[in-house]
PDB file of N, CA and C in Angstrom:
ATOM      1  N   MET A   1       8.789  -2.438   6.394  1.00  0.00           N
ATOM      2  CA  MET A   1       7.464  -2.767   5.897  1.00  0.00           C
ATOM      3  C   MET A   1       7.238  -4.278   5.925  1.00  0.00           C
ATOM      4  N   ARG A   2       8.317  -5.012   5.772  1.00  0.00           N
ATOM      5  CA  ARG A   2       8.178  -6.468   5.744  1.00  0.00           C
ATOM      6  C   ARG A   2       7.676  -6.991   7.088  1.00  0.00           C
ATOM      7  N   THR A   3       8.214  -6.475   8.177  1.00  0.00           N
ATOM      8  CA  THR A   3       7.775  -6.942   9.494  1.00  0.00           C
ATOM      9  C   THR A   3       6.361  -6.468   9.803  1.00  0.00           C
ATOM     10  N   LEU A   4       6.000  -5.288   9.297  1.00  0.00           N
ATOM     11  CA  LEU A   4       4.641  -4.797   9.491  1.00  0.00           C
ATOM     12  C   LEU A   4       3.635  -5.710   8.787  1.00  0.00           C
ATOM     13  N   ARG A   5       3.953  -6.101   7.545  1.00  0.00           N
ATOM     14  CA  ARG A   5       3.068  -7.013   6.814  1.00  0.00           C
ATOM     15  C   ARG A   5       2.969  -8.363   7.505  1.00  0.00           C
ATOM     16  N   LEU A   6       4.087  -8.848   8.028  1.00  0.00           N
ATOM     17  CA  LEU A   6       4.065 -10.134   8.721  1.00  0.00           C
ATOM     18  C   LEU A   6       3.243 -10.048   9.997  1.00  0.00           C
ATOM     19  N   GLY A   7       3.377  -8.952  10.722  1.00  0.00           N
ATOM     20  CA  GLY A   7       2.576  -8.774  11.937  1.00  0.00           C
ATOM     21  C   GLY A   7       1.087  -8.698  11.627  1.00  0.00           C
ATOM     22  N   MET A   8       0.743  -7.957  10.571  1.00  0.00           N
ATOM     23  CA  MET A   8      -0.665  -7.869  10.180  1.00  0.00           C
ATOM     24  C   MET A   8      -1.179  -9.221   9.725  1.00  0.00           C
ATOM     25  N   ALA A   9      -0.342  -9.988   9.035  1.00  0.00           N
ATOM     26  CA  ALA A   9      -0.741 -11.304   8.559  1.00  0.00           C
ATOM     27  C   ALA A   9      -1.034 -12.241   9.729  1.00  0.00           C
ATOM     28  N   LEU A  10      -0.144 -12.247  10.702  1.00  0.00           N
ATOM     29  CA  LEU A  10      -0.362 -13.120  11.857  1.00  0.00           C
ATOM     30  C   LEU A  10      -1.613 -12.726  12.622  1.00  0.00           C
ATOM     31  N   TRP A  11      -1.830 -11.431  12.765  1.00  0.00           N
ATOM     32  CA  TRP A  11      -3.023 -10.969  13.470  1.00  0.00           C
ATOM     33  C   TRP A  11      -4.288 -11.345  12.699  1.00  0.00           C
ATOM     34  N   LEU A  12      -4.277 -11.165  11.368  1.00  0.00           N
ATOM     35  CA  LEU A  12      -5.449 -11.496  10.556  1.00  0.00           C
ATOM     36  C   LEU A  12      -5.725 -12.994  10.551  1.00  0.00           C
ATOM     37  N   ILE A  13      -4.685 -13.800  10.484  1.00  0.00           N
ATOM     38  CA  ILE A  13      -4.885 -15.255  10.504  1.00  0.00           C
ATOM     39  C   ILE A  13      -5.437 -15.689  11.852  1.00  0.00           C
ATOM     40  N   TYR A  14      -4.923 -15.118  12.938  1.00  0.00           N
ATOM     41  CA  TYR A  14      -5.452 -15.442  14.263  1.00  0.00           C
ATOM     42  C   TYR A  14      -6.920 -15.034  14.376  1.00  0.00           C
ATOM     43  N   ALA A  15      -7.247 -13.836  13.907  1.00  0.00           N
ATOM     44  CA  ALA A  15      -8.634 -13.366  13.966  1.00  0.00           C
ATOM     45  C   ALA A  15      -9.549 -14.237  13.102  1.00  0.00           C
ATOM     46  N   ALA A  16      -9.039 -14.709  11.976  1.00  0.00           N
ATOM     47  CA  ALA A  16      -9.844 -15.567  11.105  1.00  0.00           C
ATOM     48  C   ALA A  16     -10.123 -16.903  11.755  1.00  0.00           C
ATOM     49  N   VAL A  17      -9.133 -17.485  12.390  1.00  0.00           N
ATOM     50  CA  VAL A  17      -9.330 -18.775  13.060  1.00  0.00           C
ATOM     51  C   VAL A  17     -10.252 -18.593  14.253  1.00  0.00           C
ATOM     52  N   ASP A  18     -10.076 -17.506  14.980  1.00  0.00           N
ATOM     53  CA  ASP A  18     -10.875 -17.255  16.171  1.00  0.00           C
ATOM     54  C   ASP A  18     -12.349 -17.037  15.837  1.00  0.00           C
ATOM     55  N   SER A  19     -12.628 -16.313  14.754  1.00  0.00           N
ATOM     56  CA  SER A  19     -14.021 -16.015  14.407  1.00  0.00           C
ATOM     57  C   SER A  19     -14.594 -16.930  13.334  1.00  0.00           C
ATOM     58  N   GLY A  20     -13.763 -17.773  12.737  1.00  0.00           N
ATOM     59  CA  GLY A  20     -14.247 -18.710  11.730  1.00  0.00           C
ATOM     60  C   GLY A  20     -14.567 -18.075  10.385  1.00  0.00           C
ATOM     61  N   GLN A  21     -13.912 -16.993  10.062  1.00  0.00           N
ATOM     62  CA  GLN A  21     -14.157 -16.315   8.789  1.00  0.00           C
ATOM     63  C   GLN A  21     -13.083 -16.709   7.783  1.00  0.00           C
ATOM     64  N   PHE A  22     -13.512 -17.386   6.741  1.00  0.00           N
ATOM     65  CA  PHE A  22     -12.603 -17.912   5.739  1.00  0.00           C
ATOM     66  C   PHE A  22     -11.950 -16.797   4.922  1.00  0.00           C
ATOM     67  N   LEU A  23     -12.701 -15.776   4.543  1.00  0.00           N
ATOM     68  CA  LEU A  23     -12.159 -14.701   3.709  1.00  0.00           C
ATOM     69  C   LEU A  23     -11.110 -13.878   4.445  1.00  0.00           C
ATOM     70  N   LEU A  24     -11.278 -13.714   5.738  1.00  0.00           N
ATOM     71  CA  LEU A  24     -10.275 -13.007   6.525  1.00  0.00           C
ATOM     72  C   LEU A  24      -8.967 -13.792   6.558  1.00  0.00           C
ATOM     73  N   GLY A  25      -9.065 -15.107   6.566  1.00  0.00           N
ATOM     74  CA  GLY A  25      -7.877 -15.954   6.508  1.00  0.00           C
ATOM     75  C   GLY A  25      -7.153 -15.822   5.178  1.00  0.00           C
ATOM     76  N   ILE A  26      -7.911 -15.680   4.098  1.00  0.00           N
ATOM     77  CA  ILE A  26      -7.291 -15.477   2.782  1.00  0.00           C
ATOM     78  C   ILE A  26      -6.536 -14.147   2.758  1.00  0.00           C
ATOM     79  N   LEU A  27      -7.133 -13.112   3.334  1.00  0.00           N
ATOM     80  CA  LEU A  27      -6.465 -11.815   3.400  1.00  0.00           C
ATOM     81  C   LEU A  27      -5.188 -11.904   4.234  1.00  0.00           C
ATOM     82  N   GLY A  28      -5.247 -12.624   5.329  1.00  0.00           N
ATOM     83  CA  GLY A  28      -4.049 -12.826   6.142  1.00  0.00           C
ATOM     84  C   GLY A  28      -2.982 -13.602   5.390  1.00  0.00           C
ATOM     85  N   GLY A  29      -3.406 -14.587   4.612  1.00  0.00           N
ATOM     86  CA  GLY A  29      -2.457 -15.347   3.803  1.00  0.00           C
ATOM     87  C   GLY A  29      -1.802 -14.489   2.739  1.00  0.00           C
ATOM     88  N   LEU A  30      -2.557 -13.559   2.185  1.00  0.00           N
ATOM     89  CA  LEU A  30      -2.001 -12.647   1.190  1.00  0.00           C
ATOM     90  C   LEU A  30      -0.921 -11.759   1.801  1.00  0.00           C
ATOM     91  N   PHE A  31      -1.190 -11.224   2.984  1.00  0.00           N
ATOM     92  CA  PHE A  31      -0.190 -10.402   3.661  1.00  0.00           C
ATOM     93  C   PHE A  31       1.030 -11.237   4.053  1.00  0.00           C
ATOM     94  N   ALA A  32       0.805 -12.488   4.463  1.00  0.00           N
ATOM     95  CA  ALA A  32       1.932 -13.356   4.809  1.00  0.00           C
ATOM     96  C   ALA A  32       2.777 -13.656   3.583  1.00  0.00           C
ATOM     97  N   LEU A  33       2.134 -13.881   2.457  1.00  0.00           N
ATOM     98  CA  LEU A  33       2.859 -14.145   1.225  1.00  0.00           C
ATOM     99  C   LEU A  33       3.677 -12.932   0.796  1.00  0.00           C
ATOM    100  N   GLN A  34       3.110 -11.751   0.926  1.00  0.00           N
ATOM    101  CA  GLN A  34       3.849 -10.531   0.595  1.00  0.00           C
ATOM    102  C   GLN A  34       5.056 -10.363   1.513  1.00  0.00           C
ATOM    103  N   ALA A  35       4.888 -10.673   2.795  1.00  0.00           N
ATOM    104  CA  ALA A  35       5.998 -10.518   3.734  1.00  0.00           C
ATOM    105  C   ALA A  35       7.090 -11.542   3.470  1.00  0.00           C
ATOM    106  N   LEU A  36       6.710 -12.776   3.173  1.00  0.00           N
ATOM    107  CA  LEU A  36       7.706 -13.816   2.955  1.00  0.00           C
ATOM    108  C   LEU A  36       8.458 -13.630   1.647  1.00  0.00           C
ATOM    109  N   LEU A  37       7.775 -13.153   0.623  1.00  0.00           N
ATOM    110  CA  LEU A  37       8.421 -12.947  -0.670  1.00  0.00           C
ATOM    111  C   LEU A  37       9.003 -11.543  -0.823  1.00  0.00           C
ATOM    112  N   ASN A  38       8.750 -10.676   0.154  1.00  0.00           N
ATOM    113  CA  ASN A  38       9.219  -9.295   0.161  1.00  0.00           C
ATOM    114  C   ASN A  38       8.770  -8.540  -1.090  1.00  0.00           C
ATOM    115  N   VAL A  39       7.496  -8.631  -1.396  1.00  0.00           N
ATOM    116  CA  VAL A  39       6.915  -7.902  -2.516  1.00  0.00           C
ATOM    117  C   VAL A  39       5.763  -7.056  -1.997  1.00  0.00           C
ATOM    118  N   GLY A  40       5.392  -6.063  -2.772  1.00  0.00           N
ATOM    119  CA  GLY A  40       4.275  -5.213  -2.427  1.00  0.00           C
ATOM    120  C   GLY A  40       3.645  -4.686  -3.694  1.00  0.00           C
ATOM    121  N   CYS A  41       2.839  -3.669  -3.578  1.00  0.00           N
ATOM    122  CA  CYS A  41       2.162  -3.136  -4.756  1.00  0.00           C
ATOM    123  C   CYS A  41       3.125  -2.424  -5.690  1.00  0.00           C
ATOM    124  N   CYS A  42       4.249  -1.947  -5.191  1.00  0.00           N
ATOM    125  CA  CYS A  42       5.214  -1.227  -6.028  1.00  0.00           C
ATOM    126  C   CYS A  42       6.468  -2.056  -6.265  1.00  0.00           C
ATOM    127  N   GLY A  43       6.361  -3.358  -6.214  1.00  0.00           N
ATOM    128  CA  GLY A  43       7.534  -4.222  -6.349  1.00  0.00           C
ATOM    129  C   GLY A  43       8.211  -4.114  -7.695  1.00  0.00           C
ATOM    130  N   ALA A  44       7.468  -3.905  -8.753  1.00  0.00           N
ATOM    131  CA  ALA A  44       8.061  -3.837 -10.088  1.00  0.00           C
ATOM    132  C   ALA A  44       8.342  -2.409 -10.515  1.00  0.00           C
ATOM    133  N   GLY A  45       8.219  -1.471  -9.614  1.00  0.00           N
ATOM    134  CA  GLY A  45       8.454  -0.070  -9.959  1.00  0.00           C
ATOM    135  C   GLY A  45       7.307   0.538 -10.749  1.00  0.00           C
ATOM    136  N   SER A  46       6.132  -0.040 -10.629  1.00  0.00           N
ATOM    137  CA  SER A  46       4.991   0.450 -11.393  1.00  0.00           C
ATOM    138  C   SER A  46       4.402   1.732 -10.816  1.00  0.00           C
ATOM    139  N   CYS A  47       4.835   2.109  -9.635  1.00  0.00           N
ATOM    140  CA  CYS A  47       4.291   3.317  -9.016  1.00  0.00           C
ATOM    141  C   CYS A  47       5.155   4.541  -9.273  1.00  0.00           C
ATOM    142  N   SER A  48       6.197   4.402 -10.049  1.00  0.00           N
ATOM    143  CA  SER A  48       7.062   5.553 -10.290  1.00  0.00           C
ATOM    144  C   SER A  48       6.394   6.522 -11.261  1.00  0.00           C
ATOM    145  N   TYR A  49       6.735   7.757 -11.129  1.00  0.00           N
ATOM    146  CA  TYR A  49       6.174   8.782 -12.000  1.00  0.00           C
ATOM    147  C   TYR A  49       7.248   9.827 -12.264  1.00  0.00           C
ATOM    148  N   THR A  50       7.055  10.564 -13.313  1.00  0.00           N
ATOM    149  CA  THR A  50       7.961  11.669 -13.609  1.00  0.00           C
ATOM    150  C   THR A  50       7.235  12.965 -13.296  1.00  0.00           C
ATOM    151  N   PRO A  51       7.792  13.780 -12.415  1.00  0.00           N
ATOM    152  CA  PRO A  51       7.111  15.035 -12.082  1.00  0.00           C
ATOM    153  C   PRO A  51       7.087  15.958 -13.286  1.00  0.00           C
ATOM    154  N   ARG A  52       5.964  16.598 -13.488  1.00  0.00           N
ATOM    155  CA  ARG A  52       5.880  17.488 -14.640  1.00  0.00           C
ATOM    156  C   ARG A  52       6.578  18.793 -14.317  1.00  0.00           C
ATOM    157  N   GLN A  53       7.068  19.397 -15.349  1.00  0.00           N
ATOM    158  CA  GLN A  53       7.808  20.632 -15.172  1.00  0.00           C
ATOM    159  C   GLN A  53       6.836  21.791 -14.981  1.00  0.00           C
ATOM    160  N   SER A  54       7.205  22.690 -14.106  1.00  0.00           N
ATOM    161  CA  SER A  54       6.381  23.844 -13.816  1.00  0.00           C
ATOM    162  C   SER A  54       6.469  24.842 -14.969  1.00  0.00           C
ATOM    163  N   THR A  55       5.342  25.378 -15.363  1.00  0.00           N
ATOM    164  CA  THR A  55       5.309  26.389 -16.418  1.00  0.00           C
ATOM    165  C   THR A  55       4.828  27.703 -15.832  1.00  0.00           C
ATOM    166  N   GLN A  56       4.896  28.737 -16.601  1.00  0.00           N
ATOM    167  CA  GLN A  56       4.448  30.053 -16.132  1.00  0.00           C
ATOM    168  C   GLN A  56       2.961  30.024 -15.830  1.00  0.00           C
ATOM    169  N   ARG A  57       2.194  29.298 -16.614  1.00  0.00           N
ATOM    170  CA  ARG A  57       0.751  29.219 -16.394  1.00  0.00           C
ATOM    171  C   ARG A  57       0.442  28.527 -15.070  1.00  0.00           C
ATOM    172  N   ASP A  58       1.205  27.476 -14.735  1.00  0.00           N
ATOM    173  CA  ASP A  58       1.011  26.790 -13.462  1.00  0.00           C
ATOM    174  C   ASP A  58       1.284  27.721 -12.290  1.00  0.00           C
ATOM    175  N   LYS A  59       2.314  28.543 -12.410  1.00  0.00           N
ATOM    176  CA  LYS A  59       2.649  29.448 -11.317  1.00  0.00           C
ATOM    177  C   LYS A  59       1.573  30.507 -11.119  1.00  0.00           C
ATOM    178  N   SER A  60       0.997  30.998 -12.205  1.00  0.00           N
ATOM    179  CA  SER A  60      -0.035  32.019 -12.068  1.00  0.00           C
ATOM    180  C   SER A  60      -1.326  31.423 -11.522  1.00  0.00           C
ATOM    181  N   SER A  61      -1.643  30.186 -11.870  1.00  0.00           N
ATOM    182  CA  SER A  61      -2.866  29.580 -11.347  1.00  0.00           C
ATOM    183  C   SER A  61      -2.722  29.248  -9.872  1.00  0.00           C
ATOM    184  N   GLN A  62      -1.507  28.962  -9.411  1.00  0.00           N
ATOM    185  CA  GLN A  62      -1.292  28.667  -8.009  1.00  0.00           C
ATOM    186  C   GLN A  62      -1.434  29.918  -7.156  1.00  0.00           C
ATOM    187  N   SER A  63      -1.069  31.061  -7.693  1.00  0.00           N
ATOM    188  CA  SER A  63      -1.174  32.283  -6.914  1.00  0.00           C
ATOM    189  C   SER A  63      -2.616  32.655  -6.657  1.00  0.00           C
ATOM    190  N   HIS A  64      -3.541  32.329  -7.560  1.00  0.00           N
ATOM    191  CA  HIS A  64      -4.962  32.624  -7.356  1.00  0.00           C
ATOM    192  C   HIS A  64      -5.565  31.717  -6.299  1.00  0.00           C
ATOM    193  N   CYS A  65      -5.050  30.526  -6.169  1.00  0.00           N
ATOM    194  CA  CYS A  65      -5.592  29.576  -5.186  1.00  0.00           C
ATOM    195  C   CYS A  65      -5.222  29.958  -3.767  1.00  0.00           C
ATOM    196  N   ASN A  66      -4.130  30.640  -3.575  1.00  0.00           N
ATOM    197  CA  ASN A  66      -3.659  30.975  -2.246  1.00  0.00           C
ATOM    198  C   ASN A  66      -4.314  32.223  -1.677  1.00  0.00           C
ATOM    199  N   SER A  67      -4.996  33.009  -2.497  1.00  0.00           N
ATOM    200  CA  SER A  67      -5.558  34.259  -1.990  1.00  0.00           C
ATOM    201  C   SER A  67      -6.972  34.099  -1.508  1.00  0.00           C
TER     202      SER A  67
END
């Protein structure tokens, strides 16, 4: 993912310089910063979740959806 972010950053920065769009350059800088620091949206583990346990009611409601 790090190389993908760096590639997108370089492409966005090039496109920003080529078209003269300042905001696109900021977006490219953000992707470059993420690639260089190796961080992303889930860097602190904030995207983790605990799967809920299946109950009998969940199983019966799923059977109605499949028919």
